[in-house]
Amino acid sequence: MKEVPLSRLPPGQKAEVRRLLGEGPLKFRLLDLGFVPGTTVEAVRRSPLGDPVAFCVRGALVALRSKDADLVLVEVLPGDQRRGACP
């Protein structure tokens, strides 16, 4: 399957983290937040103006700006995946 930036994931869609782009503190911060390769992430909701976006990752609700979500490359999962543990 094709890798896409996490920022392109529509609300309700799940994907698996494949890799992180960039270097330095931001990359380590994304890893600390749970965006680790192999982890399932779900786009939960967008703010009214479209940025930031809330994602469910490892049971936590995390909001990321689009420019930061662009650094997380994911592979979209089929639509029949179970809903995650986030609100």
PDB file of N, CA and C in Angstrom:
ATOM      1  N   MET A   1       0.828  -1.196   0.000  1.00  0.00           N
ATOM      2  CA  MET A   1       0.000   0.000   0.000  1.00  0.00           C
ATOM      3  C   MET A   1       0.867   1.252   0.000  1.00  0.00           C
ATOM      4  N   LYS A   2       0.239   2.344  -0.280  1.00  0.00           N
ATOM      5  CA  LYS A   2       0.933   3.619  -0.409  1.00  0.00           C
ATOM      6  C   LYS A   2       0.976   4.366   0.932  1.00  0.00           C
ATOM      7  N   GLU A   3       2.105   4.970   1.217  1.00  0.00           N
ATOM      8  CA  GLU A   3       2.246   5.802   2.417  1.00  0.00           C
ATOM      9  C   GLU A   3       1.691   7.194   2.118  1.00  0.00           C
ATOM     10  N   VAL A   4       0.925   7.735   3.077  1.00  0.00           N
ATOM     11  CA  VAL A   4       0.388   9.089   2.964  1.00  0.00           C
ATOM     12  C   VAL A   4       0.672   9.826   4.262  1.00  0.00           C
ATOM     13  N   PRO A   5       0.722  11.154   4.236  1.00  0.00           N
ATOM     14  CA  PRO A   5       0.904  11.907   5.475  1.00  0.00           C
ATOM     15  C   PRO A   5      -0.326  11.753   6.382  1.00  0.00           C
ATOM     16  N   LEU A   6      -0.098  11.692   7.667  1.00  0.00           N
ATOM     17  CA  LEU A   6      -1.170  11.561   8.646  1.00  0.00           C
ATOM     18  C   LEU A   6      -2.182  12.692   8.513  1.00  0.00           C
ATOM     19  N   SER A   7      -1.742  13.855   8.099  1.00  0.00           N
ATOM     20  CA  SER A   7      -2.633  15.016   7.963  1.00  0.00           C
ATOM     21  C   SER A   7      -3.738  14.796   6.935  1.00  0.00           C
ATOM     22  N   ARG A   8      -3.593  13.847   6.033  1.00  0.00           N
ATOM     23  CA  ARG A   8      -4.598  13.579   4.991  1.00  0.00           C
ATOM     24  C   ARG A   8      -5.671  12.600   5.437  1.00  0.00           C
ATOM     25  N   LEU A   9      -5.541  12.015   6.611  1.00  0.00           N
ATOM     26  CA  LEU A   9      -6.494  11.027   7.102  1.00  0.00           C
ATOM     27  C   LEU A   9      -7.816  11.708   7.463  1.00  0.00           C
ATOM     28  N   PRO A  10      -8.938  11.279   6.870  1.00  0.00           N
ATOM     29  CA  PRO A  10     -10.225  11.884   7.225  1.00  0.00           C
ATOM     30  C   PRO A  10     -10.719  11.348   8.569  1.00  0.00           C
ATOM     31  N   PRO A  11     -11.513  12.118   9.300  1.00  0.00           N
ATOM     32  CA  PRO A  11     -12.044  11.643  10.584  1.00  0.00           C
ATOM     33  C   PRO A  11     -12.754  10.300  10.434  1.00  0.00           C
ATOM     34  N   GLY A  12     -12.481   9.403  11.383  1.00  0.00           N
ATOM     35  CA  GLY A  12     -13.065   8.065  11.366  1.00  0.00           C
ATOM     36  C   GLY A  12     -12.192   7.027  10.686  1.00  0.00           C
ATOM     37  N   GLN A  13     -11.173   7.449   9.954  1.00  0.00           N
ATOM     38  CA  GLN A  13     -10.288   6.529   9.240  1.00  0.00           C
ATOM     39  C   GLN A  13      -9.125   6.117  10.123  1.00  0.00           C
ATOM     40  N   LYS A  14      -8.755   4.837  10.049  1.00  0.00           N
ATOM     41  CA  LYS A  14      -7.605   4.325  10.790  1.00  0.00           C
ATOM     42  C   LYS A  14      -6.448   4.067   9.832  1.00  0.00           C
ATOM     43  N   ALA A  15      -5.240   4.139  10.387  1.00  0.00           N
ATOM     44  CA  ALA A  15      -4.030   3.877   9.605  1.00  0.00           C
ATOM     45  C   ALA A  15      -2.955   3.348  10.535  1.00  0.00           C
ATOM     46  N   GLU A  16      -1.936   2.782   9.939  1.00  0.00           N
ATOM     47  CA  GLU A  16      -0.785   2.288  10.703  1.00  0.00           C
ATOM     48  C   GLU A  16       0.411   3.179  10.418  1.00  0.00           C
ATOM     49  N   VAL A  17       1.068   3.622  11.477  1.00  0.00           N
ATOM     50  CA  VAL A  17       2.260   4.457  11.320  1.00  0.00           C
ATOM     51  C   VAL A  17       3.354   3.624  10.665  1.00  0.00           C
ATOM     52  N   ARG A  18       3.938   4.153   9.606  1.00  0.00           N
ATOM     53  CA  ARG A  18       5.030   3.467   8.903  1.00  0.00           C
ATOM     54  C   ARG A  18       6.391   4.073   9.246  1.00  0.00           C
ATOM     55  N   ARG A  19       6.488   5.406   9.191  1.00  0.00           N
ATOM     56  CA  ARG A  19       7.772   6.041   9.501  1.00  0.00           C
ATOM     57  C   ARG A  19       7.577   7.517   9.785  1.00  0.00           C
ATOM     58  N   LEU A  20       8.577   8.106  10.402  1.00  0.00           N
ATOM     59  CA  LEU A  20       8.568   9.527  10.712  1.00  0.00           C
ATOM     60  C   LEU A  20       9.645  10.220   9.891  1.00  0.00           C
ATOM     61  N   LEU A  21       9.306  11.384   9.369  1.00  0.00           N
ATOM     62  CA  LEU A  21      10.268  12.188   8.632  1.00  0.00           C
ATOM     63  C   LEU A  21      10.886  13.205   9.583  1.00  0.00           C
ATOM     64  N   GLY A  22      11.949  13.824   9.145  1.00  0.00           N
ATOM     65  CA  GLY A  22      12.567  14.879   9.936  1.00  0.00           C
ATOM     66  C   GLY A  22      13.510  14.339  10.989  1.00  0.00           C
ATOM     67  N   GLU A  23      14.112  15.249  11.695  1.00  0.00           N
ATOM     68  CA  GLU A  23      15.093  14.931  12.734  1.00  0.00           C
ATOM     69  C   GLU A  23      14.872  15.851  13.917  1.00  0.00           C
ATOM     70  N   GLY A  24      15.583  15.598  14.978  1.00  0.00           N
ATOM     71  CA  GLY A  24      15.607  16.516  16.105  1.00  0.00           C
ATOM     72  C   GLY A  24      14.465  16.374  17.080  1.00  0.00           C
ATOM     73  N   PRO A  25      14.239  17.434  17.855  1.00  0.00           N
ATOM     74  CA  PRO A  25      13.279  17.398  18.966  1.00  0.00           C
ATOM     75  C   PRO A  25      11.846  17.065  18.547  1.00  0.00           C
ATOM     76  N   LEU A  26      11.378  17.556  17.399  1.00  0.00           N
ATOM     77  CA  LEU A  26      10.009  17.282  16.986  1.00  0.00           C
ATOM     78  C   LEU A  26       9.795  15.794  16.718  1.00  0.00           C
ATOM     79  N   LYS A  27      10.762  15.161  16.065  1.00  0.00           N
ATOM     80  CA  LYS A  27      10.652  13.729  15.802  1.00  0.00           C
ATOM     81  C   LYS A  27      10.584  12.956  17.116  1.00  0.00           C
ATOM     82  N   PHE A  28      11.418  13.322  18.078  1.00  0.00           N
ATOM     83  CA  PHE A  28      11.411  12.630  19.369  1.00  0.00           C
ATOM     84  C   PHE A  28      10.111  12.905  20.126  1.00  0.00           C
ATOM     85  N   ARG A  29       9.555  14.099  19.975  1.00  0.00           N
ATOM     86  CA  ARG A  29       8.287  14.427  20.621  1.00  0.00           C
ATOM     87  C   ARG A  29       7.159  13.580  20.042  1.00  0.00           C
ATOM     88  N   LEU A  30       7.138  13.402  18.723  1.00  0.00           N
ATOM     89  CA  LEU A  30       6.125  12.550  18.094  1.00  0.00           C
ATOM     90  C   LEU A  30       6.247  11.100  18.568  1.00  0.00           C
ATOM     91  N   LEU A  31       7.471  10.631  18.697  1.00  0.00           N
ATOM     92  CA  LEU A  31       7.683   9.276  19.227  1.00  0.00           C
ATOM     93  C   LEU A  31       7.182   9.180  20.669  1.00  0.00           C
ATOM     94  N   ASP A  32       7.471  10.187  21.480  1.00  0.00           N
ATOM     95  CA  ASP A  32       7.009  10.213  22.872  1.00  0.00           C
ATOM     96  C   ASP A  32       5.484  10.197  22.962  1.00  0.00           C
ATOM     97  N   LEU A  33       4.819  10.838  22.007  1.00  0.00           N
ATOM     98  CA  LEU A  33       3.358  10.878  21.997  1.00  0.00           C
ATOM     99  C   LEU A  33       2.738   9.558  21.536  1.00  0.00           C
ATOM    100  N   GLY A  34       3.547   8.631  21.028  1.00  0.00           N
ATOM    101  CA  GLY A  34       3.052   7.314  20.632  1.00  0.00           C
ATOM    102  C   GLY A  34       3.020   7.053  19.155  1.00  0.00           C
ATOM    103  N   PHE A  35       3.486   7.992  18.337  1.00  0.00           N
ATOM    104  CA  PHE A  35       3.502   7.802  16.889  1.00  0.00           C
ATOM    105  C   PHE A  35       4.735   6.991  16.498  1.00  0.00           C
ATOM    106  N   VAL A  36       4.705   5.722  16.884  1.00  0.00           N
ATOM    107  CA  VAL A  36       5.806   4.787  16.685  1.00  0.00           C
ATOM    108  C   VAL A  36       5.442   3.875  15.508  1.00  0.00           C
ATOM    109  N   PRO A  37       6.390   3.580  14.616  1.00  0.00           N
ATOM    110  CA  PRO A  37       6.078   2.678  13.506  1.00  0.00           C
ATOM    111  C   PRO A  37       5.416   1.385  13.996  1.00  0.00           C
ATOM    112  N   GLY A  38       4.334   0.995  13.299  1.00  0.00           N
ATOM    113  CA  GLY A  38       3.573  -0.197  13.655  1.00  0.00           C
ATOM    114  C   GLY A  38       2.343   0.097  14.510  1.00  0.00           C
ATOM    115  N   THR A  39       2.218   1.317  14.999  1.00  0.00           N
ATOM    116  CA  THR A  39       1.093   1.693  15.859  1.00  0.00           C
ATOM    117  C   THR A  39      -0.108   2.100  15.011  1.00  0.00           C
ATOM    118  N   THR A  40      -1.302   1.686  15.454  1.00  0.00           N
ATOM    119  CA  THR A  40      -2.530   2.092  14.786  1.00  0.00           C
ATOM    120  C   THR A  40      -2.963   3.453  15.323  1.00  0.00           C
ATOM    121  N   VAL A  41      -3.356   4.316  14.418  1.00  0.00           N
ATOM    122  CA  VAL A  41      -3.809   5.667  14.773  1.00  0.00           C
ATOM    123  C   VAL A  41      -5.114   5.939  14.027  1.00  0.00           C
ATOM    124  N   GLU A  42      -6.010   6.680  14.680  1.00  0.00           N
ATOM    125  CA  GLU A  42      -7.293   7.020  14.063  1.00  0.00           C
ATOM    126  C   GLU A  42      -7.498   8.530  14.106  1.00  0.00           C
ATOM    127  N   ALA A  43      -7.905   9.095  12.988  1.00  0.00           N
ATOM    128  CA  ALA A  43      -8.274  10.516  12.967  1.00  0.00           C
ATOM    129  C   ALA A  43      -9.659  10.608  13.602  1.00  0.00           C
ATOM    130  N   VAL A  44      -9.787  11.430  14.651  1.00  0.00           N
ATOM    131  CA  VAL A  44     -11.045  11.507  15.388  1.00  0.00           C
ATOM    132  C   VAL A  44     -11.872  12.700  14.954  1.00  0.00           C
ATOM    133  N   ARG A  45     -11.286  13.895  14.979  1.00  0.00           N
ATOM    134  CA  ARG A  45     -12.028  15.089  14.571  1.00  0.00           C
ATOM    135  C   ARG A  45     -11.077  16.203  14.182  1.00  0.00           C
ATOM    136  N   ARG A  46     -11.611  17.119  13.378  1.00  0.00           N
ATOM    137  CA  ARG A  46     -10.873  18.319  12.974  1.00  0.00           C
ATOM    138  C   ARG A  46     -11.471  19.509  13.699  1.00  0.00           C
ATOM    139  N   SER A  47     -10.639  20.499  13.960  1.00  0.00           N
ATOM    140  CA  SER A  47     -11.159  21.731  14.550  1.00  0.00           C
ATOM    141  C   SER A  47     -12.011  22.441  13.498  1.00  0.00           C
ATOM    142  N   PRO A  48     -12.839  23.398  13.907  1.00  0.00           N
ATOM    143  CA  PRO A  48     -13.713  24.084  12.935  1.00  0.00           C
ATOM    144  C   PRO A  48     -12.966  24.707  11.751  1.00  0.00           C
ATOM    145  N   LEU A  49     -11.756  25.172  11.975  1.00  0.00           N
ATOM    146  CA  LEU A  49     -10.988  25.757  10.873  1.00  0.00           C
ATOM    147  C   LEU A  49     -10.083  24.739  10.184  1.00  0.00           C
ATOM    148  N   GLY A  50     -10.144  23.466  10.605  1.00  0.00           N
ATOM    149  CA  GLY A  50      -9.395  22.404   9.955  1.00  0.00           C
ATOM    150  C   GLY A  50      -8.026  22.104  10.531  1.00  0.00           C
ATOM    151  N   ASP A  51      -7.561  22.903  11.471  1.00  0.00           N
ATOM    152  CA  ASP A  51      -6.232  22.692  12.032  1.00  0.00           C
ATOM    153  C   ASP A  51      -6.229  23.193  13.477  1.00  0.00           C
ATOM    154  N   PRO A  52      -5.921  22.395  14.471  1.00  0.00           N
ATOM    155  CA  PRO A  52      -5.319  21.075  14.427  1.00  0.00           C
ATOM    156  C   PRO A  52      -6.347  19.954  14.237  1.00  0.00           C
ATOM    157  N   VAL A  53      -5.828  18.721  14.175  1.00  0.00           N
ATOM    158  CA  VAL A  53      -6.638  17.521  14.059  1.00  0.00           C
ATOM    159  C   VAL A  53      -6.367  16.656  15.278  1.00  0.00           C
ATOM    160  N   ALA A  54      -7.432  16.055  15.824  1.00  0.00           N
ATOM    161  CA  ALA A  54      -7.290  15.153  16.973  1.00  0.00           C
ATOM    162  C   ALA A  54      -7.163  13.722  16.474  1.00  0.00           C
ATOM    163  N   PHE A  55      -6.193  13.013  17.014  1.00  0.00           N
ATOM    164  CA  PHE A  55      -5.934  11.619  16.655  1.00  0.00           C
ATOM    165  C   PHE A  55      -5.988  10.758  17.905  1.00  0.00           C
ATOM    166  N   CYS A  56      -6.475   9.540  17.744  1.00  0.00           N
ATOM    167  CA  CYS A  56      -6.435   8.566  18.827  1.00  0.00           C
ATOM    168  C   CYS A  56      -5.218   7.689  18.574  1.00  0.00           C
ATOM    169  N   VAL A  57      -4.301   7.691  19.524  1.00  0.00           N
ATOM    170  CA  VAL A  57      -3.095   6.877  19.404  1.00  0.00           C
ATOM    171  C   VAL A  57      -2.813   6.244  20.766  1.00  0.00           C
ATOM    172  N   ARG A  58      -2.775   4.922  20.792  1.00  0.00           N
ATOM    173  CA  ARG A  58      -2.514   4.163  22.023  1.00  0.00           C
ATOM    174  C   ARG A  58      -3.436   4.557  23.170  1.00  0.00           C
ATOM    175  N   GLY A  59      -4.728   4.794  22.850  1.00  0.00           N
ATOM    176  CA  GLY A  59      -5.713   5.114  23.867  1.00  0.00           C
ATOM    177  C   GLY A  59      -5.743   6.558  24.320  1.00  0.00           C
ATOM    178  N   ALA A  60      -4.913   7.401  23.753  1.00  0.00           N
ATOM    179  CA  ALA A  60      -4.870   8.817  24.126  1.00  0.00           C
ATOM    180  C   ALA A  60      -5.338   9.670  22.950  1.00  0.00           C
ATOM    181  N   LEU A  61      -6.000  10.773  23.265  1.00  0.00           N
ATOM    182  CA  LEU A  61      -6.414  11.720  22.250  1.00  0.00           C
ATOM    183  C   LEU A  61      -5.342  12.800  22.144  1.00  0.00           C
ATOM    184  N   VAL A  62      -4.734  12.924  20.960  1.00  0.00           N
ATOM    185  CA  VAL A  62      -3.617  13.839  20.736  1.00  0.00           C
ATOM    186  C   VAL A  62      -3.965  14.759  19.576  1.00  0.00           C
ATOM    187  N   ALA A  63      -3.804  16.067  19.774  1.00  0.00           N
ATOM    188  CA  ALA A  63      -4.040  17.036  18.704  1.00  0.00           C
ATOM    189  C   ALA A  63      -2.710  17.457  18.096  1.00  0.00           C
ATOM    190  N   LEU A  64      -2.654  17.427  16.768  1.00  0.00           N
ATOM    191  CA  LEU A  64      -1.446  17.834  16.043  1.00  0.00           C
ATOM    192  C   LEU A  64      -1.795  18.877  14.998  1.00  0.00           C
ATOM    193  N   ARG A  65      -0.896  19.835  14.820  1.00  0.00           N
ATOM    194  CA  ARG A  65      -1.016  20.768  13.702  1.00  0.00           C
ATOM    195  C   ARG A  65      -0.725  20.006  12.418  1.00  0.00           C
ATOM    196  N   SER A  66      -1.306  20.463  11.327  1.00  0.00           N
ATOM    197  CA  SER A  66      -1.117  19.781  10.043  1.00  0.00           C
ATOM    198  C   SER A  66       0.353  19.686   9.659  1.00  0.00           C
ATOM    199  N   LYS A  67       1.112  20.752   9.912  1.00  0.00           N
ATOM    200  CA  LYS A  67       2.527  20.725   9.518  1.00  0.00           C
ATOM    201  C   LYS A  67       3.305  19.668  10.311  1.00  0.00           C
ATOM    202  N   ASP A  68       2.884  19.367  11.536  1.00  0.00           N
ATOM    203  CA  ASP A  68       3.533  18.304  12.309  1.00  0.00           C
ATOM    204  C   ASP A  68       3.032  16.932  11.871  1.00  0.00           C
ATOM    205  N   ALA A  69       1.720  16.823  11.578  1.00  0.00           N
ATOM    206  CA  ALA A  69       1.154  15.553  11.113  1.00  0.00           C
ATOM    207  C   ALA A  69       1.713  15.163   9.744  1.00  0.00           C
ATOM    208  N   ASP A  70       2.183  16.136   8.967  1.00  0.00           N
ATOM    209  CA  ASP A  70       2.806  15.839   7.667  1.00  0.00           C
ATOM    210  C   ASP A  70       4.077  15.007   7.825  1.00  0.00           C
ATOM    211  N   LEU A  71       4.695  15.049   8.993  1.00  0.00           N
ATOM    212  CA  LEU A  71       5.940  14.314   9.235  1.00  0.00           C
ATOM    213  C   LEU A  71       5.713  12.841   9.573  1.00  0.00           C
ATOM    214  N   VAL A  72       4.444  12.464   9.802  1.00  0.00           N
ATOM    215  CA  VAL A  72       4.109  11.075  10.138  1.00  0.00           C
ATOM    216  C   VAL A  72       3.519  10.428   8.896  1.00  0.00           C
ATOM    217  N   LEU A  73       4.209   9.441   8.346  1.00  0.00           N
ATOM    218  CA  LEU A  73       3.714   8.725   7.171  1.00  0.00           C
ATOM    219  C   LEU A  73       3.000   7.462   7.629  1.00  0.00           C
ATOM    220  N   VAL A  74       1.783   7.260   7.099  1.00  0.00           N
ATOM    221  CA  VAL A  74       0.955   6.135   7.516  1.00  0.00           C
ATOM    222  C   VAL A  74       0.472   5.351   6.303  1.00  0.00           C
ATOM    223  N   GLU A  75       0.009   4.129   6.569  1.00  0.00           N
ATOM    224  CA  GLU A  75      -0.648   3.307   5.557  1.00  0.00           C
ATOM    225  C   GLU A  75      -2.091   3.144   6.004  1.00  0.00           C
ATOM    226  N   VAL A  76      -3.024   3.555   5.168  1.00  0.00           N
ATOM    227  CA  VAL A  76      -4.444   3.503   5.504  1.00  0.00           C
ATOM    228  C   VAL A  76      -4.886   2.052   5.643  1.00  0.00           C
ATOM    229  N   LEU A  77      -5.667   1.774   6.709  1.00  0.00           N
ATOM    230  CA  LEU A  77      -6.199   0.435   6.957  1.00  0.00           C
ATOM    231  C   LEU A  77      -7.586   0.302   6.344  1.00  0.00           C
ATOM    232  N   PRO A  78      -8.005  -0.925   6.050  1.00  0.00           N
ATOM    233  CA  PRO A  78      -9.356  -1.121   5.500  1.00  0.00           C
ATOM    234  C   PRO A  78     -10.411  -0.558   6.444  1.00  0.00           C
ATOM    235  N   GLY A  79     -11.561  -0.176   5.902  1.00  0.00           N
ATOM    236  CA  GLY A  79     -12.622   0.463   6.664  1.00  0.00           C
ATOM    237  C   GLY A  79     -13.294  -0.400   7.702  1.00  0.00           C
ATOM    238  N   ASP A  80     -13.049  -1.709   7.731  1.00  0.00           N
ATOM    239  CA  ASP A  80     -13.749  -2.581   8.673  1.00  0.00           C
ATOM    240  C   ASP A  80     -13.022  -2.733  10.009  1.00  0.00           C
ATOM    241  N   GLN A  81     -12.042  -1.897  10.279  1.00  0.00           N
ATOM    242  CA  GLN A  81     -11.322  -1.954  11.557  1.00  0.00           C
ATOM    243  C   GLN A  81     -12.228  -1.485  12.691  1.00  0.00           C
ATOM    244  N   ARG A  82     -12.073  -2.064  13.889  1.00  0.00           N
ATOM    245  CA  ARG A  82     -12.858  -1.669  15.055  1.00  0.00           C
ATOM    246  C   ARG A  82     -12.535  -0.251  15.478  1.00  0.00           C
ATOM    247  N   ARG A  83     -13.513   0.402  16.084  1.00  0.00           N
ATOM    248  CA  ARG A  83     -13.301   1.753  16.626  1.00  0.00           C
ATOM    249  C   ARG A  83     -12.339   1.655  17.787  1.00  0.00           C
ATOM    250  N   GLY A  84     -11.457   2.652  17.913  1.00  0.00           N
ATOM    251  CA  GLY A  84     -10.443   2.659  18.952  1.00  0.00           C
ATOM    252  C   GLY A  84     -10.999   2.975  20.332  1.00  0.00           C
ATOM    253  N   ALA A  85     -10.107   3.093  21.310  1.00  0.00           N
ATOM    254  CA  ALA A  85     -10.483   3.294  22.705  1.00  0.00           C
ATOM    255  C   ALA A  85     -10.626   4.763  23.080  1.00  0.00           C
ATOM    256  N   CYS A  86     -10.541   5.663  22.128  1.00  0.00           N
ATOM    257  CA  CYS A  86     -10.657   7.083  22.433  1.00  0.00           C
ATOM    258  C   CYS A  86     -12.098   7.539  22.371  1.00  0.00           C
ATOM    259  N   PRO A  87     -12.396   8.641  23.033  1.00  0.00           N
ATOM    260  CA  PRO A  87     -13.764   9.175  23.015  1.00  0.00           C
ATOM    261  C   PRO A  87     -14.166   9.670  21.650  1.00  0.00           C
TER     262      PRO A  87
END
